[in-house]
Amino acid sequence: MLEERYAGFVNRSCPEPLFELEVDLVPPGRVAGGDDVRVRQESGRWSIERGDFRAEWEPALRRGWVRQSPNPHSIDSTLRIVHTLLLALEGGFLVHAASAVRDGRAVLFVGPSGAGKTTIARLAPENVTLLTDEISYVRLAKEYRAFGTPFTGELGRPGANSSAPIEALYVLEKDRGNRLEPMRVADGVRALLANILFFAQDPDLVTRVFQSACEFVARVPVYRLGFVPDATVWELIR
C-alpha cells in the first residue's frame, strides 16, 4: 500500500537514507491519546503522537518507529511532522500551499482551506507542472526551492518528483475579478506564518521557523492574488 502511495518518490538505490522508520501496524482503534498532535523532545529523542499513531524518532541515530492503525494518512502525518523538524534545522519549512513550476521557476499559493489552492492548481495551463495542491516542501540552499511531494490534497494525486527555484509567493483571496498587488514585508510574513506547518513546542525551533519565514519574505516577492475560478488568472502569475 505504501509503495503504491509513494510511487515515484521511492528511491531503492539510495546508498544512505536520511532516516529510517520501522512501521508497526495494529488493529483499528485508538493508538495514542487524544486527537490533537503532540510533539515533544526529551534527551534528544522526539515523541510524536495523535489518536491514530504514536512514533519516536532519534535524530542522532537516524532511526525511529511508528505504531499506527492501517491507515495511509497516519504515516503521511508522521512523515510530515518529522520533515517539519528536519526542515526547521536547515532554514526551510512545510507550508499549507499549492506549488507549481512553469519555465523552470516555482510559484507558491498559500491560503487556508477554501481559499482556492486546489482550484488554481486545477486551472493551471498545460505547460505548468504541479508539485502539490496541498503541502509544499520548501528548502534553502543558495536559494529557496520548492519540491514536489506525494502528499495529496483534493485533487487526489501526488505531485511531480522535481524541484525548482521559487519565483514568487501568492496569497490567495476569492474576488469578483482577477487582481494582483504586492504585499508589504510584514503582511507577507504574517500570511506565510499563518500557513506554515509546525507542531513542536520547542522554543529554539519555533524561533528558527520564525526567522526562516522572515528571511523567505525578504528574498522572495509576495503578492496578494484575488481571483475568480477562471483560467485567465494564470495570465497574472509571473
C-alpha atoms as a PDB file:
ATOM      1  CA  MET A   1       0.000   0.000   0.000  1.00  0.00           C
ATOM      2  CA  LEU A   2       2.743   2.445   0.929  1.00  0.00           C
ATOM      3  CA  GLU A   3       4.799   1.606  -2.157  1.00  0.00           C
ATOM      4  CA  GLU A   4       1.790   2.448  -4.307  1.00  0.00           C
ATOM      5  CA  ARG A   5       1.041   5.600  -2.319  1.00  0.00           C
ATOM      6  CA  TYR A   6       4.598   6.913  -2.632  1.00  0.00           C
ATOM      7  CA  ALA A   7       5.283   5.578  -6.124  1.00  0.00           C
ATOM      8  CA  GLY A   8       7.590   7.963  -7.941  1.00  0.00           C
ATOM      9  CA  PHE A   9       9.172   9.108  -4.671  1.00  0.00           C
ATOM     10  CA  VAL A  10      10.720   5.818  -3.540  1.00  0.00           C
ATOM     11  CA  ASN A  11      14.429   5.545  -4.303  1.00  0.00           C
ATOM     12  CA  ARG A  12      15.594   1.987  -3.712  1.00  0.00           C
ATOM     13  CA  SER A  13      19.147   2.830  -4.818  1.00  0.00           C
ATOM     14  CA  CYS A  14      19.644   5.459  -2.094  1.00  0.00           C
ATOM     15  CA  PRO A  15      23.009   4.471  -0.538  1.00  0.00           C
ATOM     16  CA  GLU A  16      22.385   6.077   2.850  1.00  0.00           C
ATOM     17  CA  PRO A  17      18.885   7.238   3.788  1.00  0.00           C
ATOM     18  CA  LEU A  18      18.488  10.371   5.869  1.00  0.00           C
ATOM     19  CA  PHE A  19      16.498   8.371   8.412  1.00  0.00           C
ATOM     20  CA  GLU A  20      14.613   5.087   8.708  1.00  0.00           C
ATOM     21  CA  LEU A  21      11.225   4.376  10.253  1.00  0.00           C
ATOM     22  CA  GLU A  22      10.018   0.944  11.287  1.00  0.00           C
ATOM     23  CA  VAL A  23       6.236   0.762  10.873  1.00  0.00           C
ATOM     24  CA  ASP A  24       4.174  -1.476  13.160  1.00  0.00           C
ATOM     25  CA  LEU A  25       0.517  -1.880  12.197  1.00  0.00           C
ATOM     26  CA  VAL A  26      -2.087  -2.546  14.885  1.00  0.00           C
ATOM     27  CA  PRO A  27      -5.856  -3.201  14.638  1.00  0.00           C
ATOM     28  CA  PRO A  28      -8.069  -0.157  14.064  1.00  0.00           C
ATOM     29  CA  GLY A  29      -8.850   1.836  17.179  1.00  0.00           C
ATOM     30  CA  ARG A  30      -7.186   4.414  19.311  1.00  0.00           C
ATOM     31  CA  VAL A  31      -3.425   4.012  19.402  1.00  0.00           C
ATOM     32  CA  ALA A  32      -2.432   7.033  21.492  1.00  0.00           C
ATOM     33  CA  GLY A  33      -4.191   9.733  23.469  1.00  0.00           C
ATOM     34  CA  GLY A  34      -6.495  12.416  22.067  1.00  0.00           C
ATOM     35  CA  ASP A  35      -6.975  13.744  18.557  1.00  0.00           C
ATOM     36  CA  ASP A  36      -4.553  16.649  18.983  1.00  0.00           C
ATOM     37  CA  VAL A  37      -0.996  16.247  17.713  1.00  0.00           C
ATOM     38  CA  ARG A  38       1.661  16.229  20.433  1.00  0.00           C
ATOM     39  CA  VAL A  39       5.335  16.679  19.507  1.00  0.00           C
ATOM     40  CA  ARG A  40       7.916  16.902  22.251  1.00  0.00           C
ATOM     41  CA  GLN A  41      11.627  16.275  22.734  1.00  0.00           C
ATOM     42  CA  GLU A  42      13.354  14.633  25.672  1.00  0.00           C
ATOM     43  CA  SER A  43      17.048  13.693  25.862  1.00  0.00           C
ATOM     44  CA  GLY A  44      17.475  14.073  22.112  1.00  0.00           C
ATOM     45  CA  ARG A  45      14.514  11.839  21.268  1.00  0.00           C
ATOM     46  CA  TRP A  46      11.349  13.133  19.647  1.00  0.00           C
ATOM     47  CA  SER A  47       7.975  11.722  20.654  1.00  0.00           C
ATOM     48  CA  ILE A  48       5.092  12.248  18.217  1.00  0.00           C
ATOM     49  CA  GLU A  49       1.535  11.105  18.783  1.00  0.00           C
ATOM     50  CA  ARG A  50      -2.064  11.526  17.790  1.00  0.00           C
ATOM     51  CA  GLY A  51      -5.122   9.325  18.254  1.00  0.00           C
ATOM     52  CA  ASP A  52      -4.263   7.115  15.265  1.00  0.00           C
ATOM     53  CA  PHE A  53      -0.475   6.832  15.645  1.00  0.00           C
ATOM     54  CA  ARG A  54       2.425   7.052  18.027  1.00  0.00           C
ATOM     55  CA  ALA A  55       6.035   7.477  16.943  1.00  0.00           C
ATOM     56  CA  GLU A  56       9.527   8.094  18.248  1.00  0.00           C
ATOM     57  CA  TRP A  57      12.451   9.440  16.281  1.00  0.00           C
ATOM     58  CA  GLU A  58      16.097   9.795  17.310  1.00  0.00           C
ATOM     59  CA  PRO A  59      17.941  12.218  15.017  1.00  0.00           C
ATOM     60  CA  ALA A  60      21.376  11.168  16.278  1.00  0.00           C
ATOM     61  CA  LEU A  61      20.725   7.548  15.301  1.00  0.00           C
ATOM     62  CA  ARG A  62      18.653   8.492  12.244  1.00  0.00           C
ATOM     63  CA  ARG A  63      16.132   5.864  13.226  1.00  0.00           C
ATOM     64  CA  GLY A  64      12.594   5.759  14.535  1.00  0.00           C
ATOM     65  CA  TRP A  65       9.444   3.717  14.777  1.00  0.00           C
ATOM     66  CA  VAL A  66       5.750   4.227  14.159  1.00  0.00           C
ATOM     67  CA  ARG A  67       2.884   2.326  15.777  1.00  0.00           C
ATOM     68  CA  GLN A  68      -0.264   3.082  13.838  1.00  0.00           C
ATOM     69  CA  SER A  69      -3.608   1.887  12.551  1.00  0.00           C
ATOM     70  CA  PRO A  70      -3.570   0.541   8.968  1.00  0.00           C
ATOM     71  CA  ASN A  71      -4.378   3.957   7.543  1.00  0.00           C
ATOM     72  CA  PRO A  72      -2.107   5.649   4.974  1.00  0.00           C
ATOM     73  CA  HIS A  73      -2.963   9.086   6.389  1.00  0.00           C
ATOM     74  CA  SER A  74      -1.259   8.098   9.656  1.00  0.00           C
ATOM     75  CA  ILE A  75       2.131   7.526   8.043  1.00  0.00           C
ATOM     76  CA  ASP A  76       1.598  10.666   5.943  1.00  0.00           C
ATOM     77  CA  SER A  77       1.183  12.658   9.151  1.00  0.00           C
ATOM     78  CA  THR A  78       4.240  11.086  10.769  1.00  0.00           C
ATOM     79  CA  LEU A  79       6.437  11.841   7.764  1.00  0.00           C
ATOM     80  CA  ARG A  80       5.186  15.404   7.527  1.00  0.00           C
ATOM     81  CA  ILE A  81       5.933  16.081  11.184  1.00  0.00           C
ATOM     82  CA  VAL A  82       9.414  14.546  11.003  1.00  0.00           C
ATOM     83  CA  HIS A  83      10.160  16.684   7.957  1.00  0.00           C
ATOM     84  CA  THR A  84       8.968  19.848   9.721  1.00  0.00           C
ATOM     85  CA  LEU A  85      11.680  19.167  12.288  1.00  0.00           C
ATOM     86  CA  LEU A  86      14.350  18.424   9.689  1.00  0.00           C
ATOM     87  CA  LEU A  87      13.495  21.477   7.598  1.00  0.00           C
ATOM     88  CA  ALA A  88      13.432  23.794  10.622  1.00  0.00           C
ATOM     89  CA  LEU A  89      17.083  22.953  11.284  1.00  0.00           C
ATOM     90  CA  GLU A  90      18.147  23.869   7.746  1.00  0.00           C
ATOM     91  CA  GLY A  91      16.070  27.003   7.225  1.00  0.00           C
ATOM     92  CA  GLY A  92      13.155  25.503   5.326  1.00  0.00           C
ATOM     93  CA  PHE A  93       9.575  24.565   6.170  1.00  0.00           C
ATOM     94  CA  LEU A  94       6.404  22.768   5.146  1.00  0.00           C
ATOM     95  CA  VAL A  95       3.621  25.157   4.234  1.00  0.00           C
ATOM     96  CA  HIS A  96      -0.092  24.721   3.582  1.00  0.00           C
ATOM     97  CA  ALA A  97       0.210  25.769  -0.051  1.00  0.00           C
ATOM     98  CA  ALA A  98      -0.116  24.620  -3.616  1.00  0.00           C
ATOM     99  CA  SER A  99       3.013  24.903  -5.729  1.00  0.00           C
ATOM    100  CA  ALA A 100       3.814  24.530  -9.391  1.00  0.00           C
ATOM    101  CA  VAL A 101       6.645  25.007 -11.888  1.00  0.00           C
ATOM    102  CA  ARG A 102       6.499  26.959 -15.145  1.00  0.00           C
ATOM    103  CA  ASP A 103       9.500  27.788 -17.324  1.00  0.00           C
ATOM    104  CA  GLY A 104      11.869  26.372 -14.715  1.00  0.00           C
ATOM    105  CA  ARG A 105      10.624  28.577 -11.855  1.00  0.00           C
ATOM    106  CA  ALA A 106       8.300  27.626  -8.997  1.00  0.00           C
ATOM    107  CA  VAL A 107       5.374  29.587  -7.588  1.00  0.00           C
ATOM    108  CA  LEU A 108       3.563  29.006  -4.292  1.00  0.00           C
ATOM    109  CA  PHE A 109      -0.085  29.697  -3.480  1.00  0.00           C
ATOM    110  CA  VAL A 110      -0.931  29.938   0.228  1.00  0.00           C
ATOM    111  CA  GLY A 111      -4.240  30.222   1.977  1.00  0.00           C
ATOM    112  CA  PRO A 112      -6.498  28.438   4.439  1.00  0.00           C
ATOM    113  CA  SER A 113      -8.832  25.656   3.366  1.00  0.00           C
ATOM    114  CA  GLY A 114     -11.288  27.027   0.840  1.00  0.00           C
ATOM    115  CA  ALA A 115      -9.061  29.882  -0.335  1.00  0.00           C
ATOM    116  CA  GLY A 116      -8.623  28.272  -3.747  1.00  0.00           C
ATOM    117  CA  LYS A 117      -5.343  26.310  -3.716  1.00  0.00           C
ATOM    118  CA  THR A 118      -6.860  23.261  -5.403  1.00  0.00           C
ATOM    119  CA  THR A 119      -8.885  25.458  -7.756  1.00  0.00           C
ATOM    120  CA  ILE A 120      -5.856  27.361  -9.013  1.00  0.00           C
ATOM    121  CA  ALA A 121      -3.941  24.100  -9.399  1.00  0.00           C
ATOM    122  CA  ARG A 122      -6.820  22.659 -11.431  1.00  0.00           C
ATOM    123  CA  LEU A 123      -6.872  25.755 -13.664  1.00  0.00           C
ATOM    124  CA  ALA A 124      -3.138  25.583 -14.439  1.00  0.00           C
ATOM    125  CA  PRO A 125      -2.258  25.550 -18.157  1.00  0.00           C
ATOM    126  CA  GLU A 126      -0.619  22.556 -19.821  1.00  0.00           C
ATOM    127  CA  ASN A 127       2.898  23.980 -19.564  1.00  0.00           C
ATOM    128  CA  VAL A 128       2.696  24.004 -15.737  1.00  0.00           C
ATOM    129  CA  THR A 129       3.998  21.098 -13.641  1.00  0.00           C
ATOM    130  CA  LEU A 130       2.131  20.635 -10.379  1.00  0.00           C
ATOM    131  CA  LEU A 131       4.301  19.951  -7.325  1.00  0.00           C
ATOM    132  CA  THR A 132       1.376  19.733  -4.890  1.00  0.00           C
ATOM    133  CA  ASP A 133      -2.082  21.153  -4.312  1.00  0.00           C
ATOM    134  CA  GLU A 134      -1.867  20.808  -0.526  1.00  0.00           C
ATOM    135  CA  ILE A 135       1.508  20.711   1.287  1.00  0.00           C
ATOM    136  CA  SER A 136       4.523  22.490  -0.222  1.00  0.00           C
ATOM    137  CA  TYR A 137       8.064  21.484   0.687  1.00  0.00           C
ATOM    138  CA  VAL A 138      10.466  24.439   0.833  1.00  0.00           C
ATOM    139  CA  ARG A 139      14.216  24.083   1.281  1.00  0.00           C
ATOM    140  CA  LEU A 140      17.015  26.627   1.441  1.00  0.00           C
ATOM    141  CA  ALA A 141      20.418  26.119  -0.152  1.00  0.00           C
ATOM    142  CA  LYS A 142      21.809  29.083  -2.068  1.00  0.00           C
ATOM    143  CA  GLU A 143      18.198  29.937  -2.901  1.00  0.00           C
ATOM    144  CA  TYR A 144      14.744  28.813  -1.857  1.00  0.00           C
ATOM    145  CA  ARG A 145      13.452  25.826  -3.813  1.00  0.00           C
ATOM    146  CA  ALA A 146      10.066  24.122  -3.880  1.00  0.00           C
ATOM    147  CA  PHE A 147       9.942  20.329  -4.104  1.00  0.00           C
ATOM    148  CA  GLY A 148       7.167  18.010  -5.195  1.00  0.00           C
ATOM    149  CA  THR A 149       5.587  15.791  -2.557  1.00  0.00           C
ATOM    150  CA  PRO A 150       3.496  12.601  -2.575  1.00  0.00           C
ATOM    151  CA  PHE A 151       1.028  14.152  -0.102  1.00  0.00           C
ATOM    152  CA  THR A 152      -2.289  14.528  -1.889  1.00  0.00           C
ATOM    153  CA  GLY A 153      -4.958  17.182  -1.471  1.00  0.00           C
ATOM    154  CA  GLU A 154      -8.401  17.469  -3.036  1.00  0.00           C
ATOM    155  CA  LEU A 155      -7.029  16.575  -6.472  1.00  0.00           C
ATOM    156  CA  GLY A 156      -6.218  13.136  -5.094  1.00  0.00           C
ATOM    157  CA  ARG A 157      -2.919  12.743  -6.924  1.00  0.00           C
ATOM    158  CA  PRO A 158       0.715  13.227  -5.880  1.00  0.00           C
ATOM    159  CA  GLY A 159       2.832  15.989  -7.299  1.00  0.00           C
ATOM    160  CA  ALA A 160       5.797  15.625  -9.620  1.00  0.00           C
ATOM    161  CA  ASN A 161       9.054  14.460  -8.058  1.00  0.00           C
ATOM    162  CA  SER A 162      11.017  17.526  -9.135  1.00  0.00           C
ATOM    163  CA  SER A 163      12.048  20.924  -7.832  1.00  0.00           C
ATOM    164  CA  ALA A 164      12.710  24.486  -8.959  1.00  0.00           C
ATOM    165  CA  PRO A 165      13.814  27.845  -7.524  1.00  0.00           C
ATOM    166  CA  ILE A 166      10.898  29.818  -6.080  1.00  0.00           C
ATOM    167  CA  GLU A 167       9.959  32.884  -8.115  1.00  0.00           C
ATOM    168  CA  ALA A 168       7.077  34.243  -6.012  1.00  0.00           C
ATOM    169  CA  LEU A 169       4.561  33.558  -3.257  1.00  0.00           C
ATOM    170  CA  TYR A 170       0.884  34.351  -3.855  1.00  0.00           C
ATOM    171  CA  VAL A 171      -1.611  34.831  -1.027  1.00  0.00           C
ATOM    172  CA  LEU A 172      -4.977  33.725  -2.407  1.00  0.00           C
ATOM    173  CA  GLU A 173      -8.291  35.516  -1.952  1.00  0.00           C
ATOM    174  CA  LYS A 174     -11.535  34.836  -3.764  1.00  0.00           C
ATOM    175  CA  ASP A 175     -12.709  38.004  -5.503  1.00  0.00           C
ATOM    176  CA  ARG A 176     -15.107  39.316  -8.129  1.00  0.00           C
ATOM    177  CA  GLY A 177     -12.272  39.651 -10.602  1.00  0.00           C
ATOM    178  CA  ASN A 178      -8.584  38.906 -11.047  1.00  0.00           C
ATOM    179  CA  ARG A 179      -6.221  41.355  -9.373  1.00  0.00           C
ATOM    180  CA  LEU A 180      -2.629  41.286  -8.217  1.00  0.00           C
ATOM    181  CA  GLU A 181      -0.918  43.576  -5.738  1.00  0.00           C
ATOM    182  CA  PRO A 182       2.440  43.392  -3.949  1.00  0.00           C
ATOM    183  CA  MET A 183       2.305  42.891  -0.193  1.00  0.00           C
ATOM    184  CA  ARG A 184       4.336  44.673   2.452  1.00  0.00           C
ATOM    185  CA  VAL A 185       7.022  42.535   4.054  1.00  0.00           C
ATOM    186  CA  ALA A 186       5.271  42.453   7.441  1.00  0.00           C
ATOM    187  CA  ASP A 187       1.965  41.382   5.869  1.00  0.00           C
ATOM    188  CA  GLY A 188       3.740  38.747   3.807  1.00  0.00           C
ATOM    189  CA  VAL A 189       5.416  37.310   6.883  1.00  0.00           C
ATOM    190  CA  ARG A 190       2.077  37.127   8.707  1.00  0.00           C
ATOM    191  CA  ALA A 191       0.421  35.366   5.772  1.00  0.00           C
ATOM    192  CA  LEU A 192       3.249  32.866   5.461  1.00  0.00           C
ATOM    193  CA  LEU A 193       3.440  32.125   9.197  1.00  0.00           C
ATOM    194  CA  ALA A 194      -0.313  31.514   9.293  1.00  0.00           C
ATOM    195  CA  ASN A 195       0.173  28.658   6.825  1.00  0.00           C
ATOM    196  CA  ILE A 196       3.460  27.083   7.933  1.00  0.00           C
ATOM    197  CA  LEU A 197       3.022  23.634   9.465  1.00  0.00           C
ATOM    198  CA  PHE A 198       4.883  23.210  12.739  1.00  0.00           C
ATOM    199  CA  PHE A 199       3.780  21.267  15.798  1.00  0.00           C
ATOM    200  CA  ALA A 200       6.729  21.050  18.183  1.00  0.00           C
ATOM    201  CA  GLN A 201       6.625  23.244  21.268  1.00  0.00           C
ATOM    202  CA  ASP A 202      10.355  23.765  21.173  1.00  0.00           C
ATOM    203  CA  PRO A 203      11.465  27.402  21.708  1.00  0.00           C
ATOM    204  CA  ASP A 204      14.656  27.068  19.686  1.00  0.00           C
ATOM    205  CA  LEU A 205      12.962  25.523  16.652  1.00  0.00           C
ATOM    206  CA  VAL A 206      10.000  27.905  16.861  1.00  0.00           C
ATOM    207  CA  THR A 207      12.478  30.796  16.709  1.00  0.00           C
ATOM    208  CA  ARG A 208      14.197  29.223  13.728  1.00  0.00           C
ATOM    209  CA  VAL A 209      10.916  28.818  11.856  1.00  0.00           C
ATOM    210  CA  PHE A 210      10.005  32.455  12.551  1.00  0.00           C
ATOM    211  CA  GLN A 211      13.400  33.617  11.305  1.00  0.00           C
ATOM    212  CA  SER A 212      13.082  31.411   8.216  1.00  0.00           C
ATOM    213  CA  ALA A 213       9.717  32.973   7.366  1.00  0.00           C
ATOM    214  CA  CYS A 214      11.175  36.470   7.702  1.00  0.00           C
ATOM    215  CA  GLU A 215      14.173  35.622   5.527  1.00  0.00           C
ATOM    216  CA  PHE A 216      11.984  33.960   2.903  1.00  0.00           C
ATOM    217  CA  VAL A 217       9.766  37.033   2.524  1.00  0.00           C
ATOM    218  CA  ALA A 218      12.824  39.276   2.414  1.00  0.00           C
ATOM    219  CA  ARG A 219      14.169  37.305  -0.554  1.00  0.00           C
ATOM    220  CA  VAL A 220      11.032  36.146  -2.405  1.00  0.00           C
ATOM    221  CA  PRO A 221       8.353  38.579  -3.710  1.00  0.00           C
ATOM    222  CA  VAL A 222       4.932  38.150  -2.078  1.00  0.00           C
ATOM    223  CA  TYR A 223       1.685  39.174  -3.790  1.00  0.00           C
ATOM    224  CA  ARG A 224      -1.964  39.226  -2.833  1.00  0.00           C
ATOM    225  CA  LEU A 225      -3.866  37.448  -5.600  1.00  0.00           C
ATOM    226  CA  GLY A 226      -7.605  37.969  -5.811  1.00  0.00           C
ATOM    227  CA  PHE A 227      -9.198  35.763  -8.432  1.00  0.00           C
ATOM    228  CA  VAL A 228     -12.287  34.185  -9.872  1.00  0.00           C
ATOM    229  CA  PRO A 229     -12.280  30.477 -10.808  1.00  0.00           C
ATOM    230  CA  ASP A 230     -11.206  31.037 -14.392  1.00  0.00           C
ATOM    231  CA  ALA A 231      -8.019  30.010 -16.196  1.00  0.00           C
ATOM    232  CA  THR A 232      -7.312  33.642 -17.109  1.00  0.00           C
ATOM    233  CA  VAL A 233      -5.927  34.135 -13.575  1.00  0.00           C
ATOM    234  CA  TRP A 234      -2.745  32.438 -14.755  1.00  0.00           C
ATOM    235  CA  GLU A 235      -2.097  35.441 -17.033  1.00  0.00           C
ATOM    236  CA  LEU A 236      -1.260  37.403 -13.841  1.00  0.00           C
ATOM    237  CA  ILE A 237       1.102  34.770 -12.459  1.00  0.00           C
ATOM    238  CA  ARG A 238       4.695  35.564 -13.336  1.00  0.00           C
END
